[in-house]
Amino acid sequence: MTFSNVFYGKVAGLCFVAGGAMELFMIKTGFYDKVTQIEAERLEETREEREAFRRMLLEEVERQAREKNVHIKLPDGRQL
């Protein structure tokens, strides 16, 4: 069973309109504002853990650089 291009065009158009309606609904109900707020709260809760992990990685890189007598220039301008 084959369908014409017109049929596929109508299906694509219908899907486009349905997707647009869903996006409009999410914008009007404040969905994106709530998601942004939840994401910000989650990032704040894990901030200390992420900073501790970063410090640990930096210490390990510094240790390895000292062992191999290598100098590494960091993005913030410091040099290991």
PDB file of N, CA and C in Angstrom:
ATOM      1  N   MET A   1       0.849  -1.177   0.000  1.00  0.00           N
ATOM      2  CA  MET A   1       0.000   0.000   0.000  1.00  0.00           C
ATOM      3  C   MET A   1       0.894   1.239   0.000  1.00  0.00           C
ATOM      4  N   THR A   2       0.746   2.075  -0.981  1.00  0.00           N
ATOM      5  CA  THR A   2       1.563   3.279  -1.091  1.00  0.00           C
ATOM      6  C   THR A   2       0.691   4.506  -0.902  1.00  0.00           C
ATOM      7  N   PHE A   3       1.306   5.523  -0.345  1.00  0.00           N
ATOM      8  CA  PHE A   3       0.606   6.788  -0.133  1.00  0.00           C
ATOM      9  C   PHE A   3       1.273   7.858  -0.978  1.00  0.00           C
ATOM     10  N   SER A   4       0.513   8.855  -1.334  1.00  0.00           N
ATOM     11  CA  SER A   4       1.067   9.936  -2.149  1.00  0.00           C
ATOM     12  C   SER A   4       1.827  10.927  -1.262  1.00  0.00           C
ATOM     13  N   ASN A   5       2.579  11.773  -1.906  1.00  0.00           N
ATOM     14  CA  ASN A   5       3.327  12.800  -1.183  1.00  0.00           C
ATOM     15  C   ASN A   5       2.397  13.771  -0.466  1.00  0.00           C
ATOM     16  N   VAL A   6       1.206  13.949  -0.987  1.00  0.00           N
ATOM     17  CA  VAL A   6       0.231  14.840  -0.350  1.00  0.00           C
ATOM     18  C   VAL A   6      -0.133  14.309   1.033  1.00  0.00           C
ATOM     19  N   PHE A   7      -0.332  13.011   1.123  1.00  0.00           N
ATOM     20  CA  PHE A   7      -0.657  12.398   2.413  1.00  0.00           C
ATOM     21  C   PHE A   7       0.461  12.655   3.420  1.00  0.00           C
ATOM     22  N   TYR A   8       1.712  12.416   2.997  1.00  0.00           N
ATOM     23  CA  TYR A   8       2.846  12.622   3.898  1.00  0.00           C
ATOM     24  C   TYR A   8       2.988  14.097   4.272  1.00  0.00           C
ATOM     25  N   GLY A   9       2.680  14.982   3.352  1.00  0.00           N
ATOM     26  CA  GLY A   9       2.703  16.416   3.645  1.00  0.00           C
ATOM     27  C   GLY A   9       1.674  16.783   4.693  1.00  0.00           C
ATOM     28  N   LYS A  10       0.481  16.199   4.590  1.00  0.00           N
ATOM     29  CA  LYS A  10      -0.566  16.465   5.581  1.00  0.00           C
ATOM     30  C   LYS A  10      -0.173  15.932   6.951  1.00  0.00           C
ATOM     31  N   VAL A  11       0.404  14.733   6.992  1.00  0.00           N
ATOM     32  CA  VAL A  11       0.844  14.150   8.263  1.00  0.00           C
ATOM     33  C   VAL A  11       1.932  15.019   8.884  1.00  0.00           C
ATOM     34  N   ALA A  12       2.894  15.458   8.075  1.00  0.00           N
ATOM     35  CA  ALA A  12       3.975  16.308   8.584  1.00  0.00           C
ATOM     36  C   ALA A  12       3.417  17.627   9.100  1.00  0.00           C
ATOM     37  N   GLY A  13       2.490  18.213   8.377  1.00  0.00           N
ATOM     38  CA  GLY A  13       1.866  19.463   8.816  1.00  0.00           C
ATOM     39  C   GLY A  13       1.107  19.293  10.118  1.00  0.00           C
ATOM     40  N   LEU A  14       0.362  18.203  10.226  1.00  0.00           N
ATOM     41  CA  LEU A  14      -0.390  17.920  11.447  1.00  0.00           C
ATOM     42  C   LEU A  14       0.555  17.744  12.635  1.00  0.00           C
ATOM     43  N   CYS A  15       1.647  17.028  12.423  1.00  0.00           N
ATOM     44  CA  CYS A  15       2.633  16.830  13.496  1.00  0.00           C
ATOM     45  C   CYS A  15       3.272  18.155  13.890  1.00  0.00           C
ATOM     46  N   PHE A  16       3.552  19.014  12.918  1.00  0.00           N
ATOM     47  CA  PHE A  16       4.130  20.319  13.193  1.00  0.00           C
ATOM     48  C   PHE A  16       3.178  21.153  14.044  1.00  0.00           C
ATOM     49  N   VAL A  17       1.904  21.163  13.697  1.00  0.00           N
ATOM     50  CA  VAL A  17       0.908  21.927  14.452  1.00  0.00           C
ATOM     51  C   VAL A  17       0.754  21.356  15.859  1.00  0.00           C
ATOM     52  N   ALA A  18       0.711  20.039  15.993  1.00  0.00           N
ATOM     53  CA  ALA A  18       0.587  19.415  17.317  1.00  0.00           C
ATOM     54  C   ALA A  18       1.799  19.749  18.183  1.00  0.00           C
ATOM     55  N   GLY A  19       2.998  19.698  17.616  1.00  0.00           N
ATOM     56  CA  GLY A  19       4.207  20.039  18.366  1.00  0.00           C
ATOM     57  C   GLY A  19       4.209  21.493  18.791  1.00  0.00           C
ATOM     58  N   GLY A  20       3.784  22.366  17.905  1.00  0.00           N
ATOM     59  CA  GLY A  20       3.696  23.784  18.242  1.00  0.00           C
ATOM     60  C   GLY A  20       2.693  24.038  19.355  1.00  0.00           C
ATOM     61  N   ALA A  21       1.572  23.334  19.314  1.00  0.00           N
ATOM     62  CA  ALA A  21       0.559  23.487  20.363  1.00  0.00           C
ATOM     63  C   ALA A  21       1.098  23.014  21.709  1.00  0.00           C
ATOM     64  N   MET A  22       1.837  21.919  21.706  1.00  0.00           N
ATOM     65  CA  MET A  22       2.416  21.420  22.965  1.00  0.00           C
ATOM     66  C   MET A  22       3.435  22.414  23.515  1.00  0.00           C
ATOM     67  N   GLU A  23       4.270  22.982  22.656  1.00  0.00           N
ATOM     68  CA  GLU A  23       5.250  23.975  23.097  1.00  0.00           C
ATOM     69  C   GLU A  23       4.546  25.202  23.674  1.00  0.00           C
ATOM     70  N   LEU A  24       3.517  25.672  23.004  1.00  0.00           N
ATOM     71  CA  LEU A  24       2.762  26.827  23.489  1.00  0.00           C
ATOM     72  C   LEU A  24       2.142  26.531  24.850  1.00  0.00           C
ATOM     73  N   PHE A  25       1.592  25.343  25.015  1.00  0.00           N
ATOM     74  CA  PHE A  25       1.014  24.941  26.296  1.00  0.00           C
ATOM     75  C   PHE A  25       2.072  24.968  27.392  1.00  0.00           C
ATOM     76  N   MET A  26       3.256  24.423  27.099  1.00  0.00           N
ATOM     77  CA  MET A  26       4.315  24.377  28.117  1.00  0.00           C
ATOM     78  C   MET A  26       4.803  25.781  28.466  1.00  0.00           C
ATOM     79  N   ILE A  27       4.858  26.670  27.496  1.00  0.00           N
ATOM     80  CA  ILE A  27       5.277  28.044  27.775  1.00  0.00           C
ATOM     81  C   ILE A  27       4.229  28.749  28.623  1.00  0.00           C
ATOM     82  N   LYS A  28       2.964  28.623  28.246  1.00  0.00           N
ATOM     83  CA  LYS A  28       1.887  29.318  28.955  1.00  0.00           C
ATOM     84  C   LYS A  28       1.684  28.810  30.381  1.00  0.00           C
ATOM     85  N   THR A  29       1.964  27.543  30.650  1.00  0.00           N
ATOM     86  CA  THR A  29       1.763  26.995  31.998  1.00  0.00           C
ATOM     87  C   THR A  29       2.979  27.171  32.890  1.00  0.00           C
ATOM     88  N   GLY A  30       4.076  27.749  32.370  1.00  0.00           N
ATOM     89  CA  GLY A  30       5.259  27.972  33.183  1.00  0.00           C
ATOM     90  C   GLY A  30       6.133  26.744  33.354  1.00  0.00           C
ATOM     91  N   PHE A  31       5.979  25.790  32.472  1.00  0.00           N
ATOM     92  CA  PHE A  31       6.752  24.555  32.562  1.00  0.00           C
ATOM     93  C   PHE A  31       8.250  24.832  32.512  1.00  0.00           C
ATOM     94  N   TYR A  32       8.690  25.651  31.571  1.00  0.00           N
ATOM     95  CA  TYR A  32      10.124  25.903  31.410  1.00  0.00           C
ATOM     96  C   TYR A  32      10.691  26.678  32.594  1.00  0.00           C
ATOM     97  N   ASP A  33       9.899  27.584  33.165  1.00  0.00           N
ATOM     98  CA  ASP A  33      10.352  28.306  34.359  1.00  0.00           C
ATOM     99  C   ASP A  33      10.585  27.341  35.512  1.00  0.00           C
ATOM    100  N   LYS A  34       9.676  26.410  35.689  1.00  0.00           N
ATOM    101  CA  LYS A  34       9.801  25.432  36.771  1.00  0.00           C
ATOM    102  C   LYS A  34      11.001  24.516  36.544  1.00  0.00           C
ATOM    103  N   VAL A  35      11.203  24.069  35.322  1.00  0.00           N
ATOM    104  CA  VAL A  35      12.344  23.202  35.013  1.00  0.00           C
ATOM    105  C   VAL A  35      13.649  23.949  35.270  1.00  0.00           C
ATOM    106  N   THR A  36      13.711  25.213  34.883  1.00  0.00           N
ATOM    107  CA  THR A  36      14.912  26.020  35.118  1.00  0.00           C
ATOM    108  C   THR A  36      15.181  26.166  36.604  1.00  0.00           C
ATOM    109  N   GLN A  37      14.132  26.390  37.382  1.00  0.00           N
ATOM    110  CA  GLN A  37      14.277  26.528  38.836  1.00  0.00           C
ATOM    111  C   GLN A  37      14.778  25.221  39.455  1.00  0.00           C
ATOM    112  N   ILE A  38      14.211  24.107  39.070  1.00  0.00           N
ATOM    113  CA  ILE A  38      14.616  22.802  39.615  1.00  0.00           C
ATOM    114  C   ILE A  38      16.065  22.501  39.245  1.00  0.00           C
ATOM    115  N   GLU A  39      16.448  22.803  38.009  1.00  0.00           N
ATOM    116  CA  GLU A  39      17.825  22.561  37.575  1.00  0.00           C
ATOM    117  C   GLU A  39      18.804  23.437  38.359  1.00  0.00           C
ATOM    118  N   ALA A  40      18.445  24.685  38.613  1.00  0.00           N
ATOM    119  CA  ALA A  40      19.311  25.573  39.391  1.00  0.00           C
ATOM    120  C   ALA A  40      19.465  25.063  40.816  1.00  0.00           C
ATOM    121  N   GLU A  41      18.385  24.584  41.412  1.00  0.00           N
ATOM    122  CA  GLU A  41      18.452  24.031  42.768  1.00  0.00           C
ATOM    123  C   GLU A  41      19.332  22.782  42.799  1.00  0.00           C
ATOM    124  N   ARG A  42      19.207  21.932  41.800  1.00  0.00           N
ATOM    125  CA  ARG A  42      20.007  20.715  41.752  1.00  0.00           C
ATOM    126  C   ARG A  42      21.490  21.046  41.617  1.00  0.00           C
ATOM    127  N   LEU A  43      21.796  22.017  40.763  1.00  0.00           N
ATOM    128  CA  LEU A  43      23.193  22.414  40.597  1.00  0.00           C
ATOM    129  C   LEU A  43      23.758  23.007  41.881  1.00  0.00           C
ATOM    130  N   GLU A  44      22.968  23.780  42.594  1.00  0.00           N
ATOM    131  CA  GLU A  44      23.434  24.373  43.850  1.00  0.00           C
ATOM    132  C   GLU A  44      23.675  23.302  44.908  1.00  0.00           C
ATOM    133  N   GLU A  45      22.826  22.286  44.936  1.00  0.00           N
ATOM    134  CA  GLU A  45      22.980  21.211  45.917  1.00  0.00           C
ATOM    135  C   GLU A  45      24.250  20.399  45.676  1.00  0.00           C
ATOM    136  N   THR A  46      24.651  20.261  44.429  1.00  0.00           N
ATOM    137  CA  THR A  46      25.830  19.448  44.108  1.00  0.00           C
ATOM    138  C   THR A  46      27.088  20.292  43.911  1.00  0.00           C
ATOM    139  N   ARG A  47      26.999  21.574  44.198  1.00  0.00           N
ATOM    140  CA  ARG A  47      28.125  22.480  43.949  1.00  0.00           C
ATOM    141  C   ARG A  47      29.370  22.096  44.730  1.00  0.00           C
ATOM    142  N   GLU A  48      29.217  21.870  46.017  1.00  0.00           N
ATOM    143  CA  GLU A  48      30.368  21.532  46.853  1.00  0.00           C
ATOM    144  C   GLU A  48      31.022  20.232  46.391  1.00  0.00           C
ATOM    145  N   GLU A  49      30.195  19.265  46.047  1.00  0.00           N
ATOM    146  CA  GLU A  49      30.718  17.977  45.580  1.00  0.00           C
ATOM    147  C   GLU A  49      31.507  18.146  44.279  1.00  0.00           C
ATOM    148  N   ARG A  50      30.985  18.952  43.360  1.00  0.00           N
ATOM    149  CA  ARG A  50      31.679  19.185  42.095  1.00  0.00           C
ATOM    150  C   ARG A  50      32.993  19.932  42.311  1.00  0.00           C
ATOM    151  N   GLU A  51      32.990  20.910  43.218  1.00  0.00           N
ATOM    152  CA  GLU A  51      34.216  21.658  43.491  1.00  0.00           C
ATOM    153  C   GLU A  51      35.267  20.766  44.146  1.00  0.00           C
ATOM    154  N   ALA A  52      34.845  19.888  45.049  1.00  0.00           N
ATOM    155  CA  ALA A  52      35.783  18.963  45.692  1.00  0.00           C
ATOM    156  C   ALA A  52      36.383  18.012  44.653  1.00  0.00           C
ATOM    157  N   PHE A  53      35.560  17.529  43.739  1.00  0.00           N
ATOM    158  CA  PHE A  53      36.043  16.639  42.683  1.00  0.00           C
ATOM    159  C   PHE A  53      37.044  17.363  41.789  1.00  0.00           C
ATOM    160  N   ARG A  54      36.754  18.618  41.465  1.00  0.00           N
ATOM    161  CA  ARG A  54      37.667  19.411  40.634  1.00  0.00           C
ATOM    162  C   ARG A  54      39.005  19.608  41.336  1.00  0.00           C
ATOM    163  N   ARG A  55      38.959  19.927  42.631  1.00  0.00           N
ATOM    164  CA  ARG A  55      40.203  20.093  43.391  1.00  0.00           C
ATOM    165  C   ARG A  55      41.012  18.802  43.404  1.00  0.00           C
ATOM    166  N   MET A  56      40.324  17.670  43.594  1.00  0.00           N
ATOM    167  CA  MET A  56      41.006  16.384  43.616  1.00  0.00           C
ATOM    168  C   MET A  56      41.697  16.112  42.273  1.00  0.00           C
ATOM    169  N   LEU A  57      40.987  16.383  41.176  1.00  0.00           N
ATOM    170  CA  LEU A  57      41.573  16.177  39.851  1.00  0.00           C
ATOM    171  C   LEU A  57      42.779  17.086  39.638  1.00  0.00           C
ATOM    172  N   LEU A  58      42.661  18.338  40.044  1.00  0.00           N
ATOM    173  CA  LEU A  58      43.763  19.274  39.873  1.00  0.00           C
ATOM    174  C   LEU A  58      44.976  18.843  40.687  1.00  0.00           C
ATOM    175  N   GLU A  59      44.749  18.374  41.908  1.00  0.00           N
ATOM    176  CA  GLU A  59      45.854  17.884  42.735  1.00  0.00           C
ATOM    177  C   GLU A  59      46.536  16.682  42.083  1.00  0.00           C
ATOM    178  N   GLU A  60      45.748  15.800  41.493  1.00  0.00           N
ATOM    179  CA  GLU A  60      46.314  14.627  40.830  1.00  0.00           C
ATOM    180  C   GLU A  60      47.138  15.037  39.608  1.00  0.00           C
ATOM    181  N   VAL A  61      46.643  15.989  38.845  1.00  0.00           N
ATOM    182  CA  VAL A  61      47.383  16.473  37.680  1.00  0.00           C
ATOM    183  C   VAL A  61      48.685  17.135  38.131  1.00  0.00           C
ATOM    184  N   GLU A  62      48.607  17.920  39.201  1.00  0.00           N
ATOM    185  CA  GLU A  62      49.817  18.564  39.726  1.00  0.00           C
ATOM    186  C   GLU A  62      50.838  17.519  40.163  1.00  0.00           C
ATOM    187  N   ARG A  63      50.385  16.483  40.844  1.00  0.00           N
ATOM    188  CA  ARG A  63      51.283  15.427  41.312  1.00  0.00           C
ATOM    189  C   ARG A  63      51.961  14.734  40.133  1.00  0.00           C
ATOM    190  N   GLN A  64      51.164  14.390  39.126  1.00  0.00           N
ATOM    191  CA  GLN A  64      51.731  13.716  37.956  1.00  0.00           C
ATOM    192  C   GLN A  64      52.697  14.628  37.200  1.00  0.00           C
ATOM    193  N   ALA A  65      52.384  15.920  37.146  1.00  0.00           N
ATOM    194  CA  ALA A  65      53.274  16.861  36.462  1.00  0.00           C
ATOM    195  C   ALA A  65      54.604  16.966  37.200  1.00  0.00           C
ATOM    196  N   ARG A  66      54.560  16.994  38.530  1.00  0.00           N
ATOM    197  CA  ARG A  66      55.803  17.041  39.310  1.00  0.00           C
ATOM    198  C   ARG A  66      56.623  15.778  39.100  1.00  0.00           C
ATOM    199  N   GLU A  67      55.945  14.625  39.094  1.00  0.00           N
ATOM    200  CA  GLU A  67      56.651  13.352  38.897  1.00  0.00           C
ATOM    201  C   GLU A  67      57.390  13.313  37.565  1.00  0.00           C
ATOM    202  N   LYS A  68      56.758  13.843  36.535  1.00  0.00           N
ATOM    203  CA  LYS A  68      57.331  13.768  35.187  1.00  0.00           C
ATOM    204  C   LYS A  68      58.101  15.030  34.809  1.00  0.00           C
ATOM    205  N   ASN A  69      58.189  15.972  35.763  1.00  0.00           N
ATOM    206  CA  ASN A  69      58.889  17.236  35.538  1.00  0.00           C
ATOM    207  C   ASN A  69      58.343  17.946  34.293  1.00  0.00           C
ATOM    208  N   VAL A  70      57.020  18.072  34.251  1.00  0.00           N
ATOM    209  CA  VAL A  70      56.328  18.701  33.132  1.00  0.00           C
ATOM    210  C   VAL A  70      55.664  19.968  33.642  1.00  0.00           C
ATOM    211  N   HIS A  71      55.665  21.014  32.819  1.00  0.00           N
ATOM    212  CA  HIS A  71      54.988  22.257  33.166  1.00  0.00           C
ATOM    213  C   HIS A  71      53.704  22.345  32.353  1.00  0.00           C
ATOM    214  N   ILE A  72      52.606  22.632  33.038  1.00  0.00           N
ATOM    215  CA  ILE A  72      51.298  22.703  32.390  1.00  0.00           C
ATOM    216  C   ILE A  72      50.738  24.094  32.618  1.00  0.00           C
ATOM    217  N   LYS A  73      50.303  24.742  31.554  1.00  0.00           N
ATOM    218  CA  LYS A  73      49.688  26.051  31.669  1.00  0.00           C
ATOM    219  C   LYS A  73      48.174  25.863  31.739  1.00  0.00           C
ATOM    220  N   LEU A  74      47.579  26.339  32.832  1.00  0.00           N
ATOM    221  CA  LEU A  74      46.141  26.199  33.037  1.00  0.00           C
ATOM    222  C   LEU A  74      45.393  27.333  32.345  1.00  0.00           C
ATOM    223  N   PRO A  75      44.098  27.148  32.057  1.00  0.00           N
ATOM    224  CA  PRO A  75      43.316  28.196  31.392  1.00  0.00           C
ATOM    225  C   PRO A  75      43.262  29.505  32.180  1.00  0.00           C
ATOM    226  N   ASP A  76      43.361  29.431  33.517  1.00  0.00           N
ATOM    227  CA  ASP A  76      43.295  30.660  34.314  1.00  0.00           C
ATOM    228  C   ASP A  76      44.642  31.382  34.389  1.00  0.00           C
ATOM    229  N   GLY A  77      45.646  30.891  33.648  1.00  0.00           N
ATOM    230  CA  GLY A  77      46.937  31.555  33.583  1.00  0.00           C
ATOM    231  C   GLY A  77      47.992  30.967  34.499  1.00  0.00           C
ATOM    232  N   ARG A  78      47.576  30.168  35.463  1.00  0.00           N
ATOM    233  CA  ARG A  78      48.555  29.547  36.358  1.00  0.00           C
ATOM    234  C   ARG A  78      49.343  28.495  35.598  1.00  0.00           C
ATOM    235  N   GLN A  79      50.510  28.195  36.138  1.00  0.00           N
ATOM    236  CA  GLN A  79      51.337  27.169  35.516  1.00  0.00           C
ATOM    237  C   GLN A  79      51.711  26.145  36.573  1.00  0.00           C
ATOM    238  N   LEU A  80      51.569  24.873  36.239  1.00  0.00           N
ATOM    239  CA  LEU A  80      51.925  23.792  37.159  1.00  0.00           C
ATOM    240  C   LEU A  80      53.349  23.359  36.911  1.00  0.00           C
TER     241      LEU A  80
END
